[in-house]
Amino acid sequence: MPHPLSSKKLTRSHTTLIDGAIRVVKRAVEMSEVSKVSLGIIKKISIGKPRIKFLPITGGIKAIVRGNAYVQEIFIYTSDDKKTVAILTKFFEGK
């Protein structure tokens, strides 16, 4: 699915987002702490529950977003890792 976003913070190396990642990316680019969002690879996986996992990287975090049948890596460059993870986790879970 082509992403419906237009932001200077979003890189264009990949142009697709899985359904579970669309909301996360939209929220991330709205955050003042986030300087850049880079979309990563998409892999087909076995069917399961959607979830999100965060790993530290230099200058930010890597979000691994799992949809029903696909998983996507999203690199989020932020000045406040903990705040970004907390906000995106709550947002992903719908809280």
N, C-alpha and C. Protein backbone atom coordinates (compact mmCIF):
# COMPACT_ATOMS: atom_id res chain seq x y z
N MET A 1 0.85 -1.18 0.00
CA MET A 1 0.00 0.00 0.00
C MET A 1 0.89 1.24 0.00
N PRO A 2 0.73 2.13 -0.95
CA PRO A 2 1.51 3.37 -0.94
C PRO A 2 1.17 4.18 0.31
N HIS A 3 2.19 4.82 0.88
CA HIS A 3 1.90 5.57 2.10
C HIS A 3 1.25 6.91 1.78
N PRO A 4 0.31 7.29 2.64
CA PRO A 4 -0.45 8.51 2.40
C PRO A 4 0.17 9.73 3.04
N LEU A 5 1.45 9.69 3.28
CA LEU A 5 2.09 10.76 4.03
C LEU A 5 2.91 11.67 3.14
N SER A 6 2.99 12.90 3.56
CA SER A 6 3.86 13.86 2.91
C SER A 6 4.52 14.66 4.02
N SER A 7 5.81 14.41 4.23
CA SER A 7 6.52 15.09 5.31
C SER A 7 7.99 15.19 4.96
N LYS A 8 8.60 16.28 5.35
CA LYS A 8 10.04 16.44 5.14
C LYS A 8 10.82 15.48 6.02
N LYS A 9 10.20 14.98 7.08
CA LYS A 9 10.86 14.05 8.00
C LYS A 9 10.90 12.63 7.45
N LEU A 10 10.10 12.33 6.45
CA LEU A 10 9.97 10.97 5.93
C LEU A 10 10.86 10.78 4.72
N THR A 11 11.77 9.80 4.79
CA THR A 11 12.63 9.52 3.64
C THR A 11 11.87 8.71 2.61
N ARG A 12 12.32 8.73 1.41
CA ARG A 12 11.61 8.07 0.32
C ARG A 12 12.35 6.87 -0.27
N SER A 13 13.24 6.24 0.50
CA SER A 13 13.97 5.09 -0.04
C SER A 13 13.04 3.90 -0.27
N HIS A 14 12.06 3.73 0.60
CA HIS A 14 11.00 2.74 0.39
C HIS A 14 9.70 3.52 0.39
N THR A 15 8.73 3.08 -0.40
CA THR A 15 7.52 3.87 -0.52
C THR A 15 6.28 3.14 -0.05
N THR A 16 6.42 2.01 0.61
CA THR A 16 5.24 1.29 1.07
C THR A 16 5.27 1.09 2.58
N LEU A 17 4.08 0.98 3.12
CA LEU A 17 3.90 0.73 4.55
C LEU A 17 2.87 -0.37 4.71
N ILE A 18 3.09 -1.26 5.68
CA ILE A 18 2.06 -2.23 6.01
C ILE A 18 0.98 -1.50 6.80
N ASP A 19 -0.21 -2.07 6.84
CA ASP A 19 -1.32 -1.41 7.51
C ASP A 19 -1.01 -1.03 8.96
N GLY A 20 -0.38 -1.91 9.70
CA GLY A 20 -0.08 -1.64 11.11
C GLY A 20 0.91 -0.51 11.32
N ALA A 21 1.69 -0.20 10.30
CA ALA A 21 2.73 0.82 10.44
C ALA A 21 2.26 2.22 10.04
N ILE A 22 1.18 2.33 9.32
CA ILE A 22 0.73 3.63 8.83
C ILE A 22 0.48 4.60 9.99
N ARG A 23 -0.28 4.17 10.98
CA ARG A 23 -0.59 5.04 12.11
C ARG A 23 0.66 5.41 12.90
N VAL A 24 1.58 4.46 13.05
CA VAL A 24 2.82 4.73 13.80
C VAL A 24 3.64 5.79 13.10
N VAL A 25 3.79 5.68 11.80
CA VAL A 25 4.59 6.64 11.04
C VAL A 25 3.91 8.01 11.05
N LYS A 26 2.59 8.04 10.87
CA LYS A 26 1.88 9.32 10.92
C LYS A 26 2.13 10.02 12.26
N ARG A 27 2.04 9.27 13.35
CA ARG A 27 2.24 9.86 14.68
C ARG A 27 3.69 10.29 14.88
N ALA A 28 4.63 9.48 14.41
CA ALA A 28 6.06 9.78 14.60
C ALA A 28 6.44 11.08 13.90
N VAL A 29 5.99 11.29 12.67
CA VAL A 29 6.37 12.51 11.95
C VAL A 29 5.75 13.77 12.56
N GLU A 30 4.71 13.61 13.35
CA GLU A 30 4.08 14.74 14.04
C GLU A 30 4.85 15.16 15.29
N MET A 31 5.69 14.28 15.82
CA MET A 31 6.39 14.55 17.08
C MET A 31 7.57 15.50 16.88
N SER A 32 7.69 16.48 17.77
CA SER A 32 8.80 17.44 17.67
C SER A 32 10.15 16.80 17.96
N GLU A 33 10.18 15.73 18.74
CA GLU A 33 11.43 15.03 19.06
C GLU A 33 12.00 14.26 17.88
N VAL A 34 11.15 13.91 16.93
CA VAL A 34 11.56 13.09 15.79
C VAL A 34 12.09 13.98 14.67
N SER A 35 13.31 13.68 14.20
CA SER A 35 13.89 14.46 13.12
C SER A 35 13.77 13.77 11.76
N LYS A 36 13.68 12.43 11.77
CA LYS A 36 13.61 11.70 10.49
C LYS A 36 13.00 10.33 10.72
N VAL A 37 12.23 9.87 9.74
CA VAL A 37 11.66 8.52 9.75
C VAL A 37 12.03 7.86 8.44
N SER A 38 12.63 6.70 8.53
CA SER A 38 13.06 5.98 7.33
C SER A 38 12.36 4.61 7.30
N LEU A 39 11.65 4.35 6.22
CA LEU A 39 10.92 3.09 6.09
C LEU A 39 11.86 1.99 5.68
N GLY A 40 11.73 0.84 6.34
CA GLY A 40 12.60 -0.29 6.07
C GLY A 40 11.89 -1.40 5.32
N ILE A 41 12.53 -2.54 5.32
CA ILE A 41 12.05 -3.69 4.55
C ILE A 41 10.76 -4.25 5.11
N ILE A 42 10.02 -4.93 4.24
CA ILE A 42 8.79 -5.62 4.60
C ILE A 42 9.01 -7.09 4.31
N LYS A 43 8.66 -7.93 5.28
CA LYS A 43 8.79 -9.38 5.11
C LYS A 43 7.45 -10.04 5.37
N LYS A 44 7.15 -11.08 4.59
CA LYS A 44 5.96 -11.88 4.83
C LYS A 44 6.28 -12.87 5.94
N ILE A 45 5.36 -13.01 6.88
CA ILE A 45 5.54 -13.93 8.00
C ILE A 45 4.26 -14.72 8.20
N SER A 46 4.30 -15.66 9.15
CA SER A 46 3.09 -16.43 9.44
C SER A 46 2.05 -15.52 10.10
N ILE A 47 0.81 -15.91 10.00
CA ILE A 47 -0.28 -15.11 10.54
C ILE A 47 -0.18 -15.07 12.06
N GLY A 48 -0.40 -13.88 12.61
CA GLY A 48 -0.34 -13.70 14.06
C GLY A 48 -0.92 -12.37 14.46
N LYS A 49 -0.77 -12.05 15.73
CA LYS A 49 -1.31 -10.80 16.28
C LYS A 49 -0.39 -9.62 15.97
N PRO A 50 -0.97 -8.48 15.64
CA PRO A 50 -0.17 -7.27 15.46
C PRO A 50 0.51 -6.85 16.77
N ARG A 51 1.73 -6.36 16.66
CA ARG A 51 2.46 -5.85 17.83
C ARG A 51 3.59 -4.97 17.35
N ILE A 52 4.19 -4.26 18.30
CA ILE A 52 5.31 -3.38 17.98
C ILE A 52 6.42 -3.63 18.98
N LYS A 53 7.66 -3.56 18.49
CA LYS A 53 8.84 -3.78 19.33
C LYS A 53 9.85 -2.69 18.96
N PHE A 54 10.58 -2.20 19.95
CA PHE A 54 11.56 -1.15 19.71
C PHE A 54 12.96 -1.63 20.10
N LEU A 55 13.94 -1.27 19.27
CA LEU A 55 15.34 -1.56 19.55
C LEU A 55 16.15 -0.28 19.41
N PRO A 56 17.14 -0.08 20.27
CA PRO A 56 17.96 1.14 20.15
C PRO A 56 18.89 1.08 18.95
N ILE A 57 19.07 2.22 18.29
CA ILE A 57 20.05 2.38 17.23
C ILE A 57 20.77 3.70 17.48
N THR A 58 21.86 3.93 16.81
CA THR A 58 22.56 5.20 16.95
C THR A 58 21.66 6.33 16.47
N GLY A 59 21.36 7.26 17.36
CA GLY A 59 20.56 8.42 17.01
C GLY A 59 19.07 8.22 17.11
N GLY A 60 18.63 7.06 17.59
CA GLY A 60 17.18 6.85 17.68
C GLY A 60 16.79 5.43 18.01
N ILE A 61 15.72 4.98 17.36
CA ILE A 61 15.17 3.65 17.62
C ILE A 61 14.76 2.99 16.31
N LYS A 62 14.74 1.65 16.35
CA LYS A 62 14.19 0.88 15.24
C LYS A 62 12.89 0.28 15.74
N ALA A 63 11.79 0.60 15.08
CA ALA A 63 10.50 0.01 15.41
C ALA A 63 10.27 -1.17 14.48
N ILE A 64 9.93 -2.29 15.06
CA ILE A 64 9.57 -3.46 14.27
C ILE A 64 8.07 -3.64 14.44
N VAL A 65 7.35 -3.36 13.38
CA VAL A 65 5.89 -3.39 13.43
C VAL A 65 5.41 -4.67 12.74
N ARG A 66 4.67 -5.45 13.50
CA ARG A 66 4.14 -6.70 12.97
C ARG A 66 2.66 -6.51 12.70
N GLY A 67 2.26 -6.77 11.47
CA GLY A 67 0.84 -6.78 11.12
C GLY A 67 0.32 -8.20 11.21
N ASN A 68 -0.79 -8.48 10.56
CA ASN A 68 -1.35 -9.83 10.60
C ASN A 68 -0.48 -10.85 9.85
N ALA A 69 0.11 -10.45 8.73
CA ALA A 69 0.89 -11.38 7.93
C ALA A 69 2.22 -10.81 7.43
N TYR A 70 2.54 -9.57 7.84
CA TYR A 70 3.77 -8.93 7.40
C TYR A 70 4.43 -8.23 8.58
N VAL A 71 5.74 -8.03 8.47
CA VAL A 71 6.49 -7.27 9.46
C VAL A 71 7.32 -6.24 8.72
N GLN A 72 7.44 -5.04 9.32
CA GLN A 72 8.21 -3.96 8.69
C GLN A 72 9.08 -3.28 9.72
N GLU A 73 10.29 -2.94 9.30
CA GLU A 73 11.21 -2.17 10.14
C GLU A 73 11.05 -0.70 9.79
N ILE A 74 11.03 0.15 10.82
CA ILE A 74 10.96 1.59 10.63
C ILE A 74 12.02 2.21 11.52
N PHE A 75 12.89 3.01 10.93
CA PHE A 75 13.97 3.67 11.67
C PHE A 75 13.51 5.08 12.01
N ILE A 76 13.50 5.38 13.31
CA ILE A 76 13.00 6.66 13.80
C ILE A 76 14.15 7.37 14.51
N TYR A 77 14.56 8.50 13.96
CA TYR A 77 15.66 9.28 14.55
C TYR A 77 15.05 10.35 15.45
N THR A 78 15.39 10.28 16.73
CA THR A 78 14.74 11.11 17.73
C THR A 78 15.72 11.63 18.77
N SER A 79 15.40 12.75 19.37
CA SER A 79 16.24 13.32 20.42
C SER A 79 15.87 12.78 21.80
N ASP A 80 14.73 12.07 21.90
CA ASP A 80 14.28 11.52 23.18
C ASP A 80 13.71 10.12 22.95
N ASP A 81 14.59 9.11 23.03
CA ASP A 81 14.18 7.73 22.76
C ASP A 81 13.04 7.26 23.65
N LYS A 82 13.18 7.48 24.95
CA LYS A 82 12.19 6.97 25.90
C LYS A 82 10.81 7.57 25.67
N LYS A 83 10.75 8.87 25.48
CA LYS A 83 9.46 9.53 25.25
C LYS A 83 8.84 9.05 23.95
N THR A 84 9.64 8.93 22.91
CA THR A 84 9.15 8.47 21.61
C THR A 84 8.59 7.06 21.70
N VAL A 85 9.32 6.16 22.37
CA VAL A 85 8.86 4.78 22.53
C VAL A 85 7.55 4.75 23.32
N ALA A 86 7.48 5.51 24.41
CA ALA A 86 6.27 5.52 25.24
C ALA A 86 5.05 6.00 24.45
N ILE A 87 5.22 7.09 23.73
CA ILE A 87 4.10 7.65 22.96
C ILE A 87 3.67 6.71 21.83
N LEU A 88 4.63 6.18 21.09
CA LEU A 88 4.29 5.31 19.96
C LEU A 88 3.70 3.97 20.43
N THR A 89 4.16 3.46 21.56
CA THR A 89 3.60 2.22 22.09
C THR A 89 2.14 2.41 22.47
N LYS A 90 1.85 3.48 23.21
CA LYS A 90 0.47 3.77 23.60
C LYS A 90 -0.40 4.01 22.37
N PHE A 91 0.13 4.72 21.40
CA PHE A 91 -0.61 5.02 20.18
C PHE A 91 -0.92 3.75 19.41
N PHE A 92 0.06 2.84 19.29
CA PHE A 92 -0.11 1.58 18.58
C PHE A 92 -1.18 0.72 19.26
N GLU A 93 -1.16 0.73 20.59
CA GLU A 93 -2.10 -0.09 21.36
C GLU A 93 -3.47 0.56 21.46
N GLY A 94 -3.61 1.79 20.95
CA GLY A 94 -4.89 2.47 20.95
C GLY A 94 -5.28 3.08 22.27
N LYS A 95 -4.29 3.39 23.11
CA LYS A 95 -4.58 3.97 24.43
C LYS A 95 -4.45 5.46 24.41
